[in-house]
């Protein structure tokens, strides 16, 4: 079955079309599945729910334009076609880490924080496919009850879904994450572009995820999430004002990517309240933050139990330009985002990096000590960098550097360590910075 949203009364550049789009989806679902077509034009909508065996297909130059009224994203709670389970509902809203008592605001699918232009809950065999120049525009919807008291709905939010295909479209100005996936299995993302907004894709407790041929030009992290198993990120372009990867998982392969800063689009958290309310800010405003924080930042907060010890993370065959840090793993306890289960091992191979500004940080757990391997890499710090070691390390089992060229650092050790562990150096060229220094705890804790 194939239907077009205009058959149900949706009008381009007209009034809000949420009900029309939802009726088209529901008809397909109730008739065993099919395709809902969004034709050329801009269609204003609140939250619609994608259902099992339904494909949402955006034709060339089609756009789903998100409403800027947060209330337009709450109608799903009264869904009569597939009633929302009571245990999925919550009235909790986002609170700061210091105030929150649970993560129900995030983990319950039917809460305000999980609002999205396109939702899916307990669905299977679903797809969002776009032709050339198709897009989902979040319009930077402002919600004072949202995350950090300004973030509105995600562009796409999926909970407990399986067999997902996402391809071909652009997400622009997402008011929160462009893609928020929780407890999903068997997800393929291909040829997707994310412009501005927040995280490009954020996956939590997901299995078997492939992200290929995508372009992320984000204000927040490009690829983020925790408690993920079997993840591949391949042939992607990542440009951000936060981290290319803020990630935790088991069996993670990142390959053939271009990772670079500074960001094309600002980190929206650096805006004033007035600017956040306005919804659109020129990215050329130099008063805001555009620097890229890290290539890979480890992520393990307490929003979920982590099923397996994170590890077997491989980053290879990629280029890096102008990131503050190459690696940021800090399990010291002073970062709540890295305090759940520790990471076991991470490996970098065949990486060419330039413009790095800060040391690699490898601070593992006392009981699960880190394993780090860097092989066949060329890592250049920003020219004129003085007194900055290549790496700072503590609670590691083994650090292995092999066939490494390190340039543009001087008057500093190669590795500044706090605890002992095995360090293997083979064919490492770092100029005069070739010694290992043991630092005091106070110095290390302050500098990491």
Protein backbone atom coordinates (compact mmCIF):
# COMPACT_ATOMS: atom_id res chain seq x y z
CA UNK A 1 0.00 0.00 0.00
CA UNK A 2 1.34 3.43 -0.96
CA UNK A 3 -0.34 6.68 0.06
CA UNK A 4 0.59 10.36 -0.13
CA UNK A 5 0.02 12.72 2.79
CA UNK A 6 -1.73 15.20 0.48
CA UNK A 7 -4.44 12.56 -0.05
CA UNK A 8 -5.22 13.03 3.65
CA UNK A 9 -5.39 16.81 3.51
CA UNK A 10 -1.79 17.90 4.17
CA UNK A 11 -0.91 21.14 2.39
CA UNK A 12 2.52 22.54 1.62
CA UNK A 13 3.16 25.84 3.39
CA UNK A 14 -0.25 25.51 5.01
CA UNK A 15 -1.46 24.78 8.52
CA UNK A 16 -0.15 22.10 10.83
CA UNK A 17 -0.39 18.65 9.20
CA UNK A 18 0.22 16.31 12.14
CA UNK A 19 -3.22 14.67 12.02
CA UNK A 20 -3.09 14.21 8.24
CA UNK A 21 0.34 12.55 8.32
CA UNK A 22 -0.66 10.32 11.23
CA UNK A 23 -3.82 9.13 9.47
CA UNK A 24 -1.75 8.19 6.42
CA UNK A 25 0.66 6.18 8.59
CA UNK A 26 -2.18 4.53 10.49
CA UNK A 27 -3.96 3.46 7.30
CA UNK A 28 -0.79 1.78 6.04
CA UNK A 29 -0.20 0.10 9.39
CA UNK A 30 -3.77 -1.19 9.73
CA UNK A 31 -3.62 -2.59 6.20
CA UNK A 32 -0.48 -4.62 6.87
CA UNK A 33 2.15 -1.99 6.07
CA UNK A 34 3.24 0.17 3.17
CA UNK A 35 4.77 3.50 2.21
CA UNK A 36 3.71 7.00 3.19
CA UNK A 37 4.99 9.56 0.70
CA UNK A 38 5.82 13.17 1.57
CA UNK A 39 5.82 15.07 -1.76
CA UNK A 40 7.77 18.18 -2.75
CA UNK A 41 6.96 21.05 -0.36
CA UNK A 42 7.18 22.08 3.29
CA UNK A 43 4.74 20.43 5.68
CA UNK A 44 4.40 21.81 9.20
CA UNK A 45 4.00 19.10 11.82
CA UNK A 46 4.16 18.21 15.46
CA UNK A 47 4.97 14.65 16.56
CA UNK A 48 3.91 11.71 14.36
CA UNK A 49 4.31 8.05 15.31
CA UNK A 50 5.87 5.67 12.79
CA UNK A 51 4.49 2.13 13.07
CA UNK A 52 5.63 -1.38 12.18
CA UNK A 53 6.08 -2.26 8.51
CA UNK A 54 5.70 1.36 7.42
CA UNK A 55 8.20 3.42 5.40
CA UNK A 56 8.08 7.20 5.50
CA UNK A 57 9.38 8.31 2.09
CA UNK A 58 10.41 11.92 1.47
CA UNK A 59 10.45 12.87 -2.21
CA UNK A 60 13.00 15.28 -3.68
CA UNK A 61 12.73 18.74 -2.04
CA UNK A 62 10.22 17.47 0.53
CA UNK A 63 10.51 18.84 4.06
CA UNK A 64 8.85 17.97 7.35
CA UNK A 65 9.06 21.24 9.26
CA UNK A 66 8.80 20.87 13.01
CA UNK A 67 6.44 23.14 14.89
CA UNK A 68 8.06 25.69 17.22
CA UNK A 69 5.31 25.08 19.81
CA UNK A 70 6.39 22.36 22.29
CA UNK A 71 2.76 21.48 23.00
CA UNK A 72 2.37 20.18 19.44
CA UNK A 73 4.52 17.16 20.31
CA UNK A 74 2.38 15.67 23.10
CA UNK A 75 -0.70 14.35 21.26
CA UNK A 76 0.84 10.88 20.89
CA UNK A 77 0.08 10.22 24.57
CA UNK A 78 -3.58 9.69 23.59
CA UNK A 79 -2.76 7.23 20.81
CA UNK A 80 -5.77 4.93 20.29
CA UNK A 81 -4.29 2.86 17.46
CA UNK A 82 -1.45 1.53 19.64
CA UNK A 83 -2.10 2.77 23.18
CA UNK A 84 1.01 3.78 25.11
CA UNK A 85 1.88 1.34 27.89
CA UNK A 86 1.49 2.87 31.34
CA UNK A 87 5.05 1.93 32.30
CA UNK A 88 6.30 3.98 29.34
CA UNK A 89 4.71 7.17 30.63
CA UNK A 90 6.39 9.74 32.86
CA UNK A 91 5.79 13.31 33.90
CA UNK A 92 9.44 13.76 34.82
CA UNK A 93 11.30 16.48 32.98
CA UNK A 94 15.01 17.09 32.64
CA UNK A 95 16.89 18.22 35.75
CA UNK A 96 20.58 18.85 36.26
CA UNK A 97 22.82 16.03 37.48
CA UNK A 98 22.86 17.61 40.94
CA UNK A 99 19.05 17.70 41.16
CA UNK A 100 17.81 14.60 39.35
CA UNK A 101 16.71 11.54 41.30
CA UNK A 102 16.42 9.18 38.33
CA UNK A 103 16.78 9.01 34.56
CA UNK A 104 13.07 8.32 33.98
CA UNK A 105 12.81 11.55 32.01
CA UNK A 106 15.11 9.96 29.41
CA UNK A 107 14.41 6.24 29.64
CA UNK A 108 10.61 6.28 29.58
CA UNK A 109 9.59 6.54 25.91
CA UNK A 110 6.47 8.61 26.55
CA UNK A 111 7.83 11.65 28.34
CA UNK A 112 8.38 15.25 27.36
CA UNK A 113 12.15 14.87 26.97
CA UNK A 114 11.62 12.12 24.36
CA UNK A 115 9.42 14.29 22.15
CA UNK A 116 10.32 14.13 18.47
CA UNK A 117 9.05 15.08 15.06
CA UNK A 118 9.03 11.37 14.20
CA UNK A 119 8.60 8.82 17.01
CA UNK A 120 8.63 5.04 16.98
CA UNK A 121 7.96 2.78 19.98
CA UNK A 122 7.99 -1.04 19.92
CA UNK A 123 7.99 -1.00 16.11
CA UNK A 124 9.76 -3.29 13.66
CA UNK A 125 10.60 -3.21 9.95
CA UNK A 126 10.42 0.58 9.74
CA UNK A 127 12.22 3.05 7.51
CA UNK A 128 12.67 6.74 6.82
CA UNK A 129 14.00 7.22 3.29
CA UNK A 130 14.75 10.51 1.57
CA UNK A 131 15.48 11.53 -1.99
CA UNK A 132 17.83 14.38 -2.96
CA UNK A 133 17.35 17.60 -0.94
CA UNK A 134 14.74 16.06 1.35
CA UNK A 135 14.91 17.18 4.96
CA UNK A 136 13.52 17.17 8.45
CA UNK A 137 13.84 20.67 9.93
CA UNK A 138 13.60 20.93 13.72
CA UNK A 139 13.46 24.74 13.56
CA UNK A 140 15.44 24.89 16.85
CA UNK A 141 12.15 24.63 18.75
CA UNK A 142 12.63 26.22 22.18
CA UNK A 143 11.22 24.44 25.24
CA UNK A 144 11.86 25.95 28.65
CA UNK A 145 10.89 22.61 30.25
CA UNK A 146 13.30 20.72 28.01
CA UNK A 147 16.92 19.69 28.51
CA UNK A 148 19.00 22.53 29.92
CA UNK A 149 15.78 24.59 29.89
CA UNK A 150 15.88 25.31 26.17
CA UNK A 151 16.18 22.13 24.09
CA UNK A 152 13.00 21.06 22.36
CA UNK A 153 12.08 17.79 20.61
CA UNK A 154 14.48 15.45 18.84
CA UNK A 155 14.10 15.09 15.10
CA UNK A 156 13.75 11.29 15.31
CA UNK A 157 13.23 9.27 18.50
CA UNK A 158 12.97 5.46 18.56
CA UNK A 159 12.55 3.17 21.56
CA UNK A 160 12.69 -0.64 21.53
CA UNK A 161 12.49 -0.93 17.76
CA UNK A 162 14.18 -3.43 15.45
CA UNK A 163 15.04 -3.70 11.78
CA UNK A 164 15.39 0.03 11.12
CA UNK A 165 16.55 1.66 7.89
CA UNK A 166 17.36 5.37 7.74
CA UNK A 167 18.73 6.81 4.51
CA UNK A 168 19.08 9.74 2.17
CA UNK A 169 17.63 12.72 4.02
CA UNK A 170 19.00 15.75 5.87
CA UNK A 171 18.21 16.76 9.45
CA UNK A 172 18.56 20.50 9.98
CA UNK A 173 18.38 22.55 13.19
CA UNK A 174 17.23 19.69 15.40
CA UNK A 175 16.08 21.15 18.69
CA UNK A 176 17.74 18.27 20.53
CA UNK A 177 19.37 15.12 19.10
CA UNK A 178 18.87 14.49 15.39
CA UNK A 179 18.55 10.74 16.04
CA UNK A 180 17.79 9.36 19.52
CA UNK A 181 17.71 5.54 19.61
CA UNK A 182 17.13 3.53 22.79
CA UNK A 183 17.10 -0.26 23.06
CA UNK A 184 17.00 -0.72 19.29
CA UNK A 185 18.35 -3.64 17.27
CA UNK A 186 19.53 -3.94 13.68
CA UNK A 187 19.77 -0.32 12.57
CA UNK A 188 21.21 0.81 9.23
CA UNK A 189 21.96 4.50 8.68
CA UNK A 190 23.27 5.47 5.26
CA UNK A 191 23.87 8.74 3.40
CA UNK A 192 22.37 11.00 6.05
CA UNK A 193 23.42 14.60 6.59
CA UNK A 194 22.96 16.47 9.87
CA UNK A 195 23.28 20.25 9.88
CA UNK A 196 23.68 22.26 13.12
CA UNK A 197 21.51 21.44 16.13
CA UNK A 198 22.79 18.96 18.72
CA UNK A 199 24.01 15.33 18.56
CA UNK A 200 23.98 13.80 15.09
CA UNK A 201 23.10 10.34 16.40
CA UNK A 202 22.85 9.25 20.02
CA UNK A 203 22.35 5.52 20.65
CA UNK A 204 21.79 3.87 24.02
CA UNK A 205 21.60 0.12 24.69
CA UNK A 206 21.48 -0.62 20.98
CA UNK A 207 22.77 -3.74 19.21
CA UNK A 208 24.00 -4.11 15.64
CA UNK A 209 24.16 -0.52 14.42
CA UNK A 210 25.74 0.53 11.11
CA UNK A 211 26.38 4.19 10.31
CA UNK A 212 27.85 4.61 6.83
CA UNK A 213 28.46 7.38 4.31
CA UNK A 214 27.00 10.04 6.61
CA UNK A 215 27.97 13.68 7.06
CA UNK A 216 27.64 15.25 10.49
CA UNK A 217 28.15 19.02 10.86
CA UNK A 218 26.86 19.38 14.39
CA UNK A 219 26.92 21.82 17.28
CA UNK A 220 27.10 18.94 19.75
CA UNK A 221 28.63 15.44 19.51
CA UNK A 222 28.49 13.76 16.12
CA UNK A 223 28.11 10.17 17.38
CA UNK A 224 27.29 9.57 21.03
CA UNK A 225 25.88 6.96 23.38
CA UNK A 226 26.51 4.23 25.94
CA UNK A 227 25.97 0.49 26.39
CA UNK A 228 26.07 -0.38 22.70
CA UNK A 229 27.18 -3.68 21.19
CA UNK A 230 28.41 -4.23 17.63
CA UNK A 231 28.66 -0.75 16.11
CA UNK A 232 30.28 0.24 12.80
CA UNK A 233 30.90 3.82 11.68
CA UNK A 234 32.37 3.88 8.19
CA UNK A 235 33.22 6.49 5.57
CA UNK A 236 31.69 9.39 7.48
CA UNK A 237 32.57 13.07 7.72
CA UNK A 238 32.45 14.44 11.27
CA UNK A 239 32.68 18.15 12.11
CA UNK A 240 31.59 19.38 15.53
CA UNK A 241 31.86 21.92 18.32
CA UNK A 242 32.01 19.06 20.84
CA UNK A 243 33.38 15.53 20.30
CA UNK A 244 33.34 13.54 17.10
CA UNK A 245 32.68 10.49 19.30
CA UNK A 246 31.44 10.62 22.88
CA UNK A 247 30.87 6.96 23.08
CA UNK A 248 30.92 3.73 25.02
CA UNK A 249 30.35 0.29 23.63
CA UNK A 250 31.66 -3.20 22.97
CA UNK A 251 32.90 -4.26 19.53
CA UNK A 252 33.05 -0.81 17.96
CA UNK A 253 34.72 -0.18 14.60
CA UNK A 254 35.33 3.35 13.32
CA UNK A 255 37.02 3.40 9.93
CA UNK A 256 37.71 5.56 6.88
CA UNK A 257 36.39 8.76 8.44
CA UNK A 258 37.35 12.41 8.13
CA UNK A 259 37.20 14.10 11.53
CA UNK A 260 37.88 17.84 11.74
CA UNK A 261 37.34 21.18 13.40
CA UNK A 262 36.66 23.95 13.96
CA UNK A 263 32.92 23.45 13.72
CA UNK A 264 30.86 24.93 10.93
CA UNK A 265 27.99 25.38 13.39
CA UNK A 266 28.22 26.64 16.93
CA UNK A 267 27.63 24.82 20.19
CA UNK A 268 24.16 26.06 21.10
CA UNK A 269 24.89 25.84 24.81
CA UNK A 270 27.12 28.89 24.38
CA UNK A 271 24.15 31.07 23.32
CA UNK A 272 22.37 33.57 25.52
CA UNK A 273 18.80 32.79 26.63
CA UNK A 274 17.51 35.36 24.16
CA UNK A 275 19.46 33.77 21.31
CA UNK A 276 18.18 30.31 22.23
CA UNK A 277 14.60 31.57 22.18
CA UNK A 278 15.08 33.17 18.77
CA UNK A 279 15.63 29.78 17.17
CA UNK A 280 18.20 30.79 14.60
CA UNK A 281 21.65 32.30 15.02
CA UNK A 282 24.25 33.01 12.34
CA UNK A 283 27.04 30.50 12.74
CA UNK A 284 29.63 33.17 11.93
CA UNK A 285 29.12 34.81 15.34
CA UNK A 286 32.61 34.54 16.80
CA UNK A 287 31.46 35.17 20.38
CA UNK A 288 30.32 31.56 20.59
CA UNK A 289 32.17 28.27 20.78
CA UNK A 290 33.24 26.43 17.64
CA UNK A 291 36.29 24.44 18.79
CA UNK A 292 36.24 20.66 18.50
CA UNK A 293 36.82 19.12 21.91
CA UNK A 294 37.91 15.58 21.17
CA UNK A 295 38.19 12.89 18.53
CA UNK A 296 37.10 10.20 21.01
CA UNK A 297 35.76 10.88 24.50
CA UNK A 298 34.76 7.85 26.54
CA UNK A 299 31.14 7.94 27.72
CA UNK A 300 29.65 5.90 30.56
CA UNK A 301 27.11 7.73 32.70
CA UNK A 302 24.48 6.18 34.97
CA UNK A 303 21.45 6.61 32.71
CA UNK A 304 21.47 2.85 32.05
CA UNK A 305 23.09 -0.29 33.38
CA UNK A 306 25.96 -1.18 31.08
CA UNK A 307 25.59 -4.80 30.04
CA UNK A 308 29.20 -5.61 29.11
CA UNK A 309 32.61 -4.17 29.89
CA UNK A 310 33.16 -1.65 27.07
CA UNK A 311 36.07 -2.52 24.84
CA UNK A 312 37.37 -3.81 21.54
CA UNK A 313 37.04 -0.27 20.23
CA UNK A 314 39.02 0.25 17.02
CA UNK A 315 39.58 3.57 15.24
CA UNK A 316 41.52 3.23 11.99
CA UNK A 317 42.25 4.49 8.48
CA UNK A 318 41.07 8.03 9.24
CA UNK A 319 42.23 11.63 9.27
CA UNK A 320 41.94 14.21 12.05
CA UNK A 321 42.35 17.99 11.89
CA UNK A 322 42.19 20.61 14.65
CA UNK A 323 40.80 18.75 17.64
CA UNK A 324 41.67 19.88 21.16
CA UNK A 325 42.23 16.25 22.20
CA UNK A 326 42.90 13.05 20.32
CA UNK A 327 41.65 10.79 23.14
CA UNK A 328 39.94 11.67 26.40
CA UNK A 329 39.47 8.75 28.78
CA UNK A 330 39.21 9.98 32.36
CA UNK A 331 37.88 7.47 34.88
CA UNK A 332 39.27 9.44 37.82
CA UNK A 333 35.79 10.16 39.17
CA UNK A 334 35.71 13.89 38.51
CA UNK A 335 33.59 13.53 35.35
CA UNK A 336 30.12 11.99 35.91
CA UNK A 337 29.90 11.17 32.20
CA UNK A 338 32.79 8.68 32.61
CA UNK A 339 32.00 7.04 35.94
CA UNK A 340 29.88 3.93 35.33
CA UNK A 341 31.78 0.91 33.95
CA UNK A 342 35.37 1.51 32.83
CA UNK A 343 36.63 0.94 29.32
CA UNK A 344 38.87 -2.08 28.82
CA UNK A 345 40.71 -1.28 25.59
CA UNK A 346 40.89 1.08 22.63
CA UNK A 347 43.09 0.86 19.54
CA UNK A 348 44.12 3.45 16.95
CA UNK A 349 45.72 2.44 13.66
CA UNK A 350 46.66 4.28 10.47
CA UNK A 351 45.56 7.73 11.67
CA UNK A 352 46.98 11.00 10.38
CA UNK A 353 46.21 13.83 12.80
CA UNK A 354 47.19 17.49 12.88
CA UNK A 355 46.42 20.52 15.04
CA UNK A 356 46.07 18.61 18.33
CA UNK A 357 46.30 20.96 21.32
CA UNK A 358 46.19 18.85 24.50
CA UNK A 359 47.66 15.55 25.72
CA UNK A 360 45.96 12.24 25.16
CA UNK A 361 44.36 11.27 28.48
CA UNK A 362 44.32 7.62 29.55
CA UNK A 363 43.09 7.35 33.13
CA UNK A 364 41.66 3.87 33.73
CA UNK A 365 40.12 2.06 36.68
CA UNK A 366 42.12 0.59 39.55
CA UNK A 367 40.67 -2.87 38.88
CA UNK A 368 40.00 -2.71 35.12
CA UNK A 369 43.21 -1.13 33.92
CA UNK A 370 43.23 0.28 30.43
CA UNK A 371 44.86 -1.19 27.35
CA UNK A 372 45.81 1.36 24.69
CA UNK A 373 47.42 0.67 21.33
CA UNK A 374 48.45 3.31 18.80
CA UNK A 375 50.03 1.93 15.64
CA UNK A 376 51.13 3.41 12.31
CA UNK A 377 50.00 6.93 13.17
CA UNK A 378 51.26 10.44 12.43
CA UNK A 379 50.12 12.84 15.15
CA UNK A 380 51.06 16.51 14.93
CA UNK A 381 50.26 18.97 17.67
CA UNK A 382 49.44 22.58 16.93
CA UNK A 383 52.58 24.44 15.96
CA UNK A 384 54.28 26.18 18.86
CA UNK A 385 52.95 23.79 21.50
CA UNK A 386 55.32 23.89 24.49
CA UNK A 387 55.39 21.90 27.70
CA UNK A 388 52.52 19.62 26.67
CA UNK A 389 53.24 15.90 26.90
CA UNK A 390 51.99 13.57 24.22
CA UNK A 391 50.06 11.53 26.79
CA UNK A 392 49.02 11.49 30.45
CA UNK A 393 48.31 8.08 31.93
CA UNK A 394 47.24 6.32 35.11
CA UNK A 395 45.77 2.90 35.96
CA UNK A 396 46.75 1.34 32.66
CA UNK A 397 47.80 -2.24 32.10
CA UNK A 398 49.65 -1.62 28.86
CA UNK A 399 50.32 1.27 26.52
CA UNK A 400 51.71 0.22 23.17
CA UNK A 401 53.07 2.77 20.68
CA UNK A 402 54.38 1.38 17.40
CA UNK A 403 55.51 3.18 14.25
CA UNK A 404 54.44 6.60 15.52
CA UNK A 405 55.53 10.05 14.37
CA UNK A 406 54.78 12.78 16.92
CA UNK A 407 55.59 16.36 16.02
CA UNK A 408 55.35 19.94 17.28
CA UNK A 409 55.78 19.23 20.99
CA UNK A 410 58.80 20.32 22.97
CA UNK A 411 60.00 20.78 26.55
CA UNK A 412 57.72 17.99 27.76
CA UNK A 413 57.82 14.24 28.34
CA UNK A 414 56.44 11.76 25.86
CA UNK A 415 54.30 10.23 28.60
CA UNK A 416 53.55 11.71 32.00
CA UNK A 417 52.29 8.92 34.21
CA UNK A 418 51.02 8.61 37.75
CA UNK A 419 50.94 4.83 38.21
CA UNK A 420 53.07 2.03 36.84
CA UNK A 421 52.14 -0.31 34.02
CA UNK A 422 53.75 -1.73 30.90
CA UNK A 423 54.80 0.78 28.26
CA UNK A 424 55.97 -0.61 24.92
CA UNK A 425 57.64 1.79 22.48
CA UNK A 426 58.71 0.62 19.03
CA UNK A 427 59.87 3.00 16.33
CA UNK A 428 58.49 6.11 18.02
CA UNK A 429 59.83 9.41 16.68
CA UNK A 430 58.99 12.30 18.99
CA UNK A 431 62.16 14.38 18.72
CA UNK A 432 63.63 15.32 22.08
CA UNK A 433 60.40 14.54 23.93
CA UNK A 434 61.19 10.87 24.33
CA UNK A 435 61.30 10.35 28.09
CA UNK A 436 58.68 9.13 30.56
CA UNK A 437 57.96 11.16 33.68
CA UNK A 438 56.27 10.09 36.90
CA UNK A 439 54.08 12.86 38.30
CA UNK A 440 52.49 13.39 41.69
CA UNK A 441 48.78 12.69 42.10
CA UNK A 442 47.98 16.35 42.72
CA UNK A 443 49.67 17.45 39.53
CA UNK A 444 48.06 14.71 37.48
CA UNK A 445 44.54 15.22 38.81
CA UNK A 446 44.71 18.93 38.08
CA UNK A 447 46.10 18.53 34.59
CA UNK A 448 43.82 15.84 33.24
